[in-house]
C-alpha atoms as a PDB file:
ATOM      1  CA  MET A   1      33.397  20.300  22.308  1.00  0.00           C
ATOM      2  CA  THR A   2      32.147  16.537  23.284  1.00  0.00           C
ATOM      3  CA  PRO A   3      32.263  13.740  20.387  1.00  0.00           C
ATOM      4  CA  ASP A   4      28.529  13.985  20.285  1.00  0.00           C
ATOM      5  CA  VAL A   5      28.502  18.063  19.494  1.00  0.00           C
ATOM      6  CA  GLN A   6      30.957  17.390  17.609  1.00  0.00           C
ATOM      7  CA  LEU A   7      28.534  14.967  15.339  1.00  0.00           C
ATOM      8  CA  CYS A   8      26.100  17.167  15.362  1.00  0.00           C
ATOM      9  CA  ALA A   9      28.129  20.644  14.519  1.00  0.00           C
ATOM     10  CA  GLU A  10      29.402  18.650  11.510  1.00  0.00           C
ATOM     11  CA  ALA A  11      26.109  17.252   9.991  1.00  0.00           C
ATOM     12  CA  LEU A  12      24.736  20.819  10.627  1.00  0.00           C
ATOM     13  CA  LEU A  13      27.905  21.613   8.166  1.00  0.00           C
ATOM     14  CA  LEU A  14      26.521  19.283   5.998  1.00  0.00           C
ATOM     15  CA  LEU A  15      23.342  21.316   5.348  1.00  0.00           C
ATOM     16  CA  GLY A  16      24.959  24.374   4.862  1.00  0.00           C
ATOM     17  CA  ALA A  17      24.144  25.610   9.053  1.00  0.00           C
ATOM     18  CA  ALA A  18      26.393  27.007  11.473  1.00  0.00           C
ATOM     19  CA  PRO A  19      27.650  24.809  13.660  1.00  0.00           C
ATOM     20  CA  ILE A  20      27.217  24.963  17.320  1.00  0.00           C
ATOM     21  CA  SER A  21      29.360  24.679  20.448  1.00  0.00           C
ATOM     22  CA  SER A  22      27.204  23.097  22.783  1.00  0.00           C
ATOM     23  CA  PHE A  23      23.570  21.545  23.271  1.00  0.00           C
ATOM     24  CA  ASP A  24      22.703  24.786  24.801  1.00  0.00           C
ATOM     25  CA  ASP A  25      24.250  27.572  23.338  1.00  0.00           C
ATOM     26  CA  GLY A  26      21.134  29.164  22.755  1.00  0.00           C
ATOM     27  CA  SER A  27      20.752  28.710  19.026  1.00  0.00           C
ATOM     28  CA  SER A  28      17.917  27.261  17.100  1.00  0.00           C
ATOM     29  CA  ALA A  29      19.980  24.629  16.091  1.00  0.00           C
ATOM     30  CA  ALA A  30      21.244  23.267  19.290  1.00  0.00           C
ATOM     31  CA  GLN A  31      18.131  22.694  20.903  1.00  0.00           C
ATOM     32  CA  VAL A  32      17.019  20.646  17.758  1.00  0.00           C
ATOM     33  CA  ALA A  33      20.598  18.837  17.745  1.00  0.00           C
ATOM     34  CA  ALA A  34      19.661  18.388  21.253  1.00  0.00           C
ATOM     35  CA  ARG A  35      16.337  16.704  21.170  1.00  0.00           C
ATOM     36  CA  LEU A  36      16.995  14.648  17.955  1.00  0.00           C
ATOM     37  CA  TRP A  37      20.967  13.474  18.876  1.00  0.00           C
ATOM     38  CA  PRO A  38      19.665  10.695  21.634  1.00  0.00           C
ATOM     39  CA  GLY A  39      17.180   8.647  19.551  1.00  0.00           C
ATOM     40  CA  THR A  40      19.165   9.078  16.174  1.00  0.00           C
ATOM     41  CA  ARG A  41      22.117   7.929  18.231  1.00  0.00           C
ATOM     42  CA  ASP A  42      20.287   4.749  19.731  1.00  0.00           C
ATOM     43  CA  ALA A  43      18.593   4.114  16.140  1.00  0.00           C
ATOM     44  CA  LEU A  44      21.782   4.072  14.373  1.00  0.00           C
ATOM     45  CA  LEU A  45      23.514   2.174  16.778  1.00  0.00           C
ATOM     46  CA  VAL A  46      20.647  -0.917  16.672  1.00  0.00           C
ATOM     47  CA  SER A  47      20.458  -0.674  12.703  1.00  0.00           C
ATOM     48  CA  TYR A  48      22.944  -3.441  12.861  1.00  0.00           C
ATOM     49  CA  PRO A  49      25.454  -4.935  15.612  1.00  0.00           C
ATOM     50  CA  TRP A  50      28.558  -2.702  15.489  1.00  0.00           C
ATOM     51  CA  ARG A  51      31.680  -4.363  17.099  1.00  0.00           C
ATOM     52  CA  CYS A  52      31.615  -0.999  19.638  1.00  0.00           C
ATOM     53  CA  THR A  53      28.392  -1.819  20.521  1.00  0.00           C
ATOM     54  CA  LEU A  54      28.802  -5.470  21.727  1.00  0.00           C
ATOM     55  CA  ALA A  55      29.245  -6.210  25.402  1.00  0.00           C
ATOM     56  CA  LYS A  56      29.280  -9.522  28.072  1.00  0.00           C
ATOM     57  CA  THR A  57      28.893  -9.083  31.612  1.00  0.00           C
ATOM     58  CA  ARG A  58      27.457 -11.535  34.162  1.00  0.00           C
ATOM     59  CA  LEU A  59      24.068 -10.279  35.213  1.00  0.00           C
ATOM     60  CA  ALA A  60      23.526  -8.908  38.903  1.00  0.00           C
ATOM     61  CA  ARG A  61      21.105 -11.186  40.532  1.00  0.00           C
ATOM     62  CA  LEU A  62      17.996  -9.882  42.904  1.00  0.00           C
ATOM     63  CA  SER A  63      17.621 -10.730  46.226  1.00  0.00           C
ATOM     64  CA  GLU A  64      14.044 -10.001  46.009  1.00  0.00           C
ATOM     65  CA  ALA A  65      12.432 -13.148  43.912  1.00  0.00           C
ATOM     66  CA  PRO A  66       9.505 -12.352  41.611  1.00  0.00           C
ATOM     67  CA  VAL A  67       5.949 -12.521  42.177  1.00  0.00           C
ATOM     68  CA  ASN A  68       5.265 -15.054  39.216  1.00  0.00           C
ATOM     69  CA  GLU A  69       6.558 -18.747  38.033  1.00  0.00           C
ATOM     70  CA  TRP A  70      10.117 -17.485  37.871  1.00  0.00           C
ATOM     71  CA  ARG A  71      12.297 -18.029  40.074  1.00  0.00           C
ATOM     72  CA  HIS A  72      15.102 -15.672  39.704  1.00  0.00           C
ATOM     73  CA  ALA A  73      15.103 -12.113  38.729  1.00  0.00           C
ATOM     74  CA  PHE A  74      18.335  -9.752  37.863  1.00  0.00           C
ATOM     75  CA  ALA A  75      19.077  -6.235  37.054  1.00  0.00           C
ATOM     76  CA  LEU A  76      19.922  -5.565  32.924  1.00  0.00           C
ATOM     77  CA  PRO A  77      23.022  -3.331  32.198  1.00  0.00           C
ATOM     78  CA  PRO A  78      22.206   0.073  32.773  1.00  0.00           C
ATOM     79  CA  ASP A  79      23.587   0.911  28.992  1.00  0.00           C
ATOM     80  CA  LEU A  80      21.701  -1.785  27.406  1.00  0.00           C
ATOM     81  CA  LEU A  81      20.140  -1.146  23.552  1.00  0.00           C
ATOM     82  CA  THR A  82      19.070  -4.790  22.849  1.00  0.00           C
ATOM     83  CA  VAL A  83      19.950  -8.102  24.197  1.00  0.00           C
ATOM     84  CA  ARG A  84      21.735 -10.603  21.722  1.00  0.00           C
ATOM     85  CA  ALA A  85      22.251 -13.830  23.614  1.00  0.00           C
ATOM     86  CA  LEU A  86      21.882 -15.036  27.047  1.00  0.00           C
ATOM     87  CA  PHE A  87      23.813 -17.486  28.856  1.00  0.00           C
ATOM     88  CA  ALA A  88      23.564 -19.982  32.060  1.00  0.00           C
ATOM     89  CA  SER A  89      27.239 -20.055  31.650  1.00  0.00           C
ATOM     90  CA  PRO A  90      30.704 -18.559  30.982  1.00  0.00           C
ATOM     91  CA  ALA A  91      31.737 -21.510  29.033  1.00  0.00           C
ATOM     92  CA  VAL A  92      32.530 -21.592  25.478  1.00  0.00           C
ATOM     93  CA  GLY A  93      30.034 -23.645  23.526  1.00  0.00           C
ATOM     94  CA  ALA A  94      27.573 -23.090  25.979  1.00  0.00           C
ATOM     95  CA  HIS A  95      23.798 -23.161  24.634  1.00  0.00           C
ATOM     96  CA  PRO A  96      21.786 -19.733  24.790  1.00  0.00           C
ATOM     97  CA  LEU A  97      18.551 -19.374  27.116  1.00  0.00           C
ATOM     98  CA  ALA A  98      15.201 -20.175  25.641  1.00  0.00           C
ATOM     99  CA  GLU A  99      13.177 -19.354  29.019  1.00  0.00           C
ATOM    100  CA  TYR A 100      13.490 -16.191  29.666  1.00  0.00           C
ATOM    101  CA  GLU A 101      11.395 -12.939  30.154  1.00  0.00           C
ATOM    102  CA  LEU A 102      12.001  -8.919  29.843  1.00  0.00           C
ATOM    103  CA  PHE A 103      10.272  -6.975  32.300  1.00  0.00           C
ATOM    104  CA  GLY A 104      10.797  -2.969  32.019  1.00  0.00           C
ATOM    105  CA  GLU A 105      14.774  -3.228  33.749  1.00  0.00           C
ATOM    106  CA  ARG A 106      14.723  -6.715  34.993  1.00  0.00           C
ATOM    107  CA  LEU A 107      14.886 -10.328  33.463  1.00  0.00           C
ATOM    108  CA  TYR A 108      13.388 -13.063  35.004  1.00  0.00           C
ATOM    109  CA  ALA A 109      14.874 -16.945  34.322  1.00  0.00           C
ATOM    110  CA  GLN A 110      14.720 -20.083  36.080  1.00  0.00           C
ATOM    111  CA  VAL A 111      18.215 -20.505  36.547  1.00  0.00           C
ATOM    112  CA  ALA A 112      20.274 -18.652  38.990  1.00  0.00           C
ATOM    113  CA  ASP A 113      22.990 -17.248  37.205  1.00  0.00           C
ATOM    114  CA  VAL A 114      22.695 -15.186  33.706  1.00  0.00           C
ATOM    115  CA  TRP A 115      25.591 -14.038  31.236  1.00  0.00           C
ATOM    116  CA  ILE A 116      24.685 -11.364  28.806  1.00  0.00           C
ATOM    117  CA  ASP A 117      25.527 -10.895  25.219  1.00  0.00           C
ATOM    118  CA  TYR A 118      24.039  -7.091  24.589  1.00  0.00           C
ATOM    119  CA  GLN A 119      24.217  -4.280  22.508  1.00  0.00           C
ATOM    120  CA  ARG A 120      25.253  -0.710  24.885  1.00  0.00           C
ATOM    121  CA  VAL A 121      25.037   2.424  24.439  1.00  0.00           C
ATOM    122  CA  SER A 122      28.615   3.435  23.215  1.00  0.00           C
ATOM    123  CA  ASP A 123      30.751   6.503  23.566  1.00  0.00           C
ATOM    124  CA  PRO A 124      30.826   8.450  20.226  1.00  0.00           C
ATOM    125  CA  ASP A 125      34.536   9.010  20.910  1.00  0.00           C
ATOM    126  CA  ALA A 126      35.190   5.372  20.698  1.00  0.00           C
ATOM    127  CA  TRP A 127      33.292   4.583  17.045  1.00  0.00           C
ATOM    128  CA  PRO A 128      35.076   3.877  14.025  1.00  0.00           C
ATOM    129  CA  ALA A 129      35.653   6.194  11.574  1.00  0.00           C
ATOM    130  CA  HIS A 130      33.161   4.510   9.449  1.00  0.00           C
ATOM    131  CA  LEU A 131      30.400   4.788  12.190  1.00  0.00           C
ATOM    132  CA  ARG A 132      31.012   8.496  12.852  1.00  0.00           C
ATOM    133  CA  GLN A 133      30.828   8.925   9.212  1.00  0.00           C
ATOM    134  CA  LEU A 134      27.200   7.205   8.840  1.00  0.00           C
ATOM    135  CA  ALA A 135      26.382   9.519  12.161  1.00  0.00           C
ATOM    136  CA  ARG A 136      27.083  12.803  10.299  1.00  0.00           C
ATOM    137  CA  TYR A 137      24.607  11.726   7.457  1.00  0.00           C
ATOM    138  CA  ALA A 138      21.926   9.777   9.587  1.00  0.00           C
ATOM    139  CA  LEU A 139      21.992  13.188  11.387  1.00  0.00           C
ATOM    140  CA  ALA A 140      21.762  15.251   8.501  1.00  0.00           C
ATOM    141  CA  ALA A 141      18.947  14.095   7.417  1.00  0.00           C
ATOM    142  CA  GLU A 142      17.480  13.634  10.870  1.00  0.00           C
ATOM    143  CA  PHE A 143      18.291  17.834  11.025  1.00  0.00           C
ATOM    144  CA  ALA A 144      17.494  18.973   7.617  1.00  0.00           C
ATOM    145  CA  MET A 145      13.656  19.460   8.331  1.00  0.00           C
ATOM    146  CA  PRO A 146      13.931  21.183  11.134  1.00  0.00           C
ATOM    147  CA  VAL A 147      16.648  23.425  10.716  1.00  0.00           C
ATOM    148  CA  THR A 148      16.321  24.012   6.868  1.00  0.00           C
ATOM    149  CA  GLU A 149      13.032  23.502   5.998  1.00  0.00           C
ATOM    150  CA  GLN A 150      13.595  21.803   2.814  1.00  0.00           C
ATOM    151  CA  LEU A 151      12.439  18.326   2.387  1.00  0.00           C
ATOM    152  CA  ASN A 152      14.543  17.443  -0.532  1.00  0.00           C
ATOM    153  CA  LEU A 153      17.560  18.211   1.626  1.00  0.00           C
ATOM    154  CA  ALA A 154      15.948  15.602   4.643  1.00  0.00           C
ATOM    155  CA  ASP A 155      15.677  13.188   1.316  1.00  0.00           C
ATOM    156  CA  LEU A 156      18.997  13.301  -0.025  1.00  0.00           C
ATOM    157  CA  TRP A 157      20.836  12.995   2.993  1.00  0.00           C
ATOM    158  CA  HIS A 158      18.320   9.966   3.949  1.00  0.00           C
ATOM    159  CA  ARG A 159      19.283   8.417   0.920  1.00  0.00           C
ATOM    160  CA  ARG A 160      23.123   9.187   1.004  1.00  0.00           C
ATOM    161  CA  ALA A 161      23.029   7.706   4.586  1.00  0.00           C
ATOM    162  CA  TRP A 162      20.519   4.557   4.215  1.00  0.00           C
ATOM    163  CA  GLY A 163      19.782   4.047   0.198  1.00  0.00           C
ATOM    164  CA  ALA A 164      16.857   4.487  -1.685  1.00  0.00           C
ATOM    165  CA  PRO A 165      13.677   3.196   0.133  1.00  0.00           C
ATOM    166  CA  GLY A 166      13.019   0.030  -1.222  1.00  0.00           C
ATOM    167  CA  GLU A 167      16.612  -0.819  -0.084  1.00  0.00           C
ATOM    168  CA  ALA A 168      15.070  -0.947   4.192  1.00  0.00           C
ATOM    169  CA  LYS A 169      18.037   1.303   5.340  1.00  0.00           C
ATOM    170  CA  ALA A 170      20.785  -1.333   4.164  1.00  0.00           C
ATOM    171  CA  GLY A 171      22.074   0.531   1.611  1.00  0.00           C
ATOM    172  CA  GLY A 172      24.297   4.181   1.213  1.00  0.00           C
ATOM    173  CA  GLU A 173      26.647   4.543   3.669  1.00  0.00           C
ATOM    174  CA  ALA A 174      24.860   1.996   6.172  1.00  0.00           C
ATOM    175  CA  ALA A 175      26.063  -0.625   3.347  1.00  0.00           C
ATOM    176  CA  VAL A 176      29.552   0.462   3.208  1.00  0.00           C
ATOM    177  CA  ALA A 177      29.596   1.310   7.155  1.00  0.00           C
ATOM    178  CA  ARG A 178      28.259  -2.520   7.698  1.00  0.00           C
ATOM    179  CA  ARG A 179      30.925  -3.920   5.305  1.00  0.00           C
ATOM    180  CA  ILE A 180      33.828  -2.693   7.195  1.00  0.00           C
ATOM    181  CA  ASP A 181      32.530  -3.606  10.366  1.00  0.00           C
ATOM    182  CA  ALA A 182      31.988  -7.207   8.862  1.00  0.00           C
ATOM    183  CA  GLN A 183      35.252  -7.037   8.579  1.00  0.00           C
ATOM    184  CA  GLN A 184      36.803  -6.376  11.774  1.00  0.00           C
ATOM    185  CA  GLN A 185      35.814 -10.323  13.201  1.00  0.00           C
ATOM    186  CA  PRO A 186      37.444 -13.404  11.683  1.00  0.00           C
ATOM    187  CA  ALA A 187      35.392 -15.210   8.894  1.00  0.00           C
ATOM    188  CA  GLN A 188      33.790 -18.556  10.684  1.00  0.00           C
ATOM    189  CA  VAL A 189      35.676 -21.601   9.368  1.00  0.00           C
ATOM    190  CA  ILE A 190      33.598 -24.912   9.451  1.00  0.00           C
ATOM    191  CA  ASP A 191      35.994 -27.473  10.905  1.00  0.00           C
ATOM    192  CA  ASP A 192      33.654 -30.411  11.195  1.00  0.00           C
ATOM    193  CA  TYR A 193      30.420 -31.048   9.941  1.00  0.00           C
ATOM    194  CA  PRO A 194      28.686 -34.593  10.654  1.00  0.00           C
ATOM    195  CA  LEU A 195      26.833 -34.584   6.807  1.00  0.00           C
ATOM    196  CA  ILE A 196      29.416 -33.779   4.758  1.00  0.00           C
ATOM    197  CA  ALA A 197      31.664 -36.471   6.764  1.00  0.00           C
ATOM    198  CA  ALA A 198      28.928 -38.815   6.444  1.00  0.00           C
ATOM    199  CA  ARG A 199      28.670 -38.200   2.500  1.00  0.00           C
ATOM    200  CA  MET A 200      32.659 -38.883   2.166  1.00  0.00           C
ATOM    201  CA  ALA A 201      32.371 -42.062   3.760  1.00  0.00           C
END
């Protein structure tokens, strides 16, 4: 069983429904899962900069020049979800690009070379435990109505995944998962801050 099917099967179990063995096993639950999985996955991944989704790469410059004010066109990564930052240099401390445009699967810019920090679609097999748990709850919330026709179950699992409506999807299991994920990177330390130094002088 593939990792995506496994997550969907576990979400169905949370609803008290029979699990699926594949997206095309012939059951109505499998049809629901096959249709809702891609969108639910992408929405979950872009809801926060999960460490397992972050990537850096140099963009491939296209030979065909853009027919507008930009000098160069670049192909965006096929697994791109969201752009986090663009740079004209891979050097440490390089400033992000401020002038560029995205058109479909292309990026236009004036500079001849571009490096991108972005969020990508990653294999659920590589997701940490906290993200997989949130995924189960989020999938249960999406599957509840089409599988069980019970609005109360949909609301229950939505709250467990994302918290109360007033929490803007930052509560529930999402809050736990984000806190754990944030611990996977070191805290930012300010070694030198000119304004503080001037005050102390």
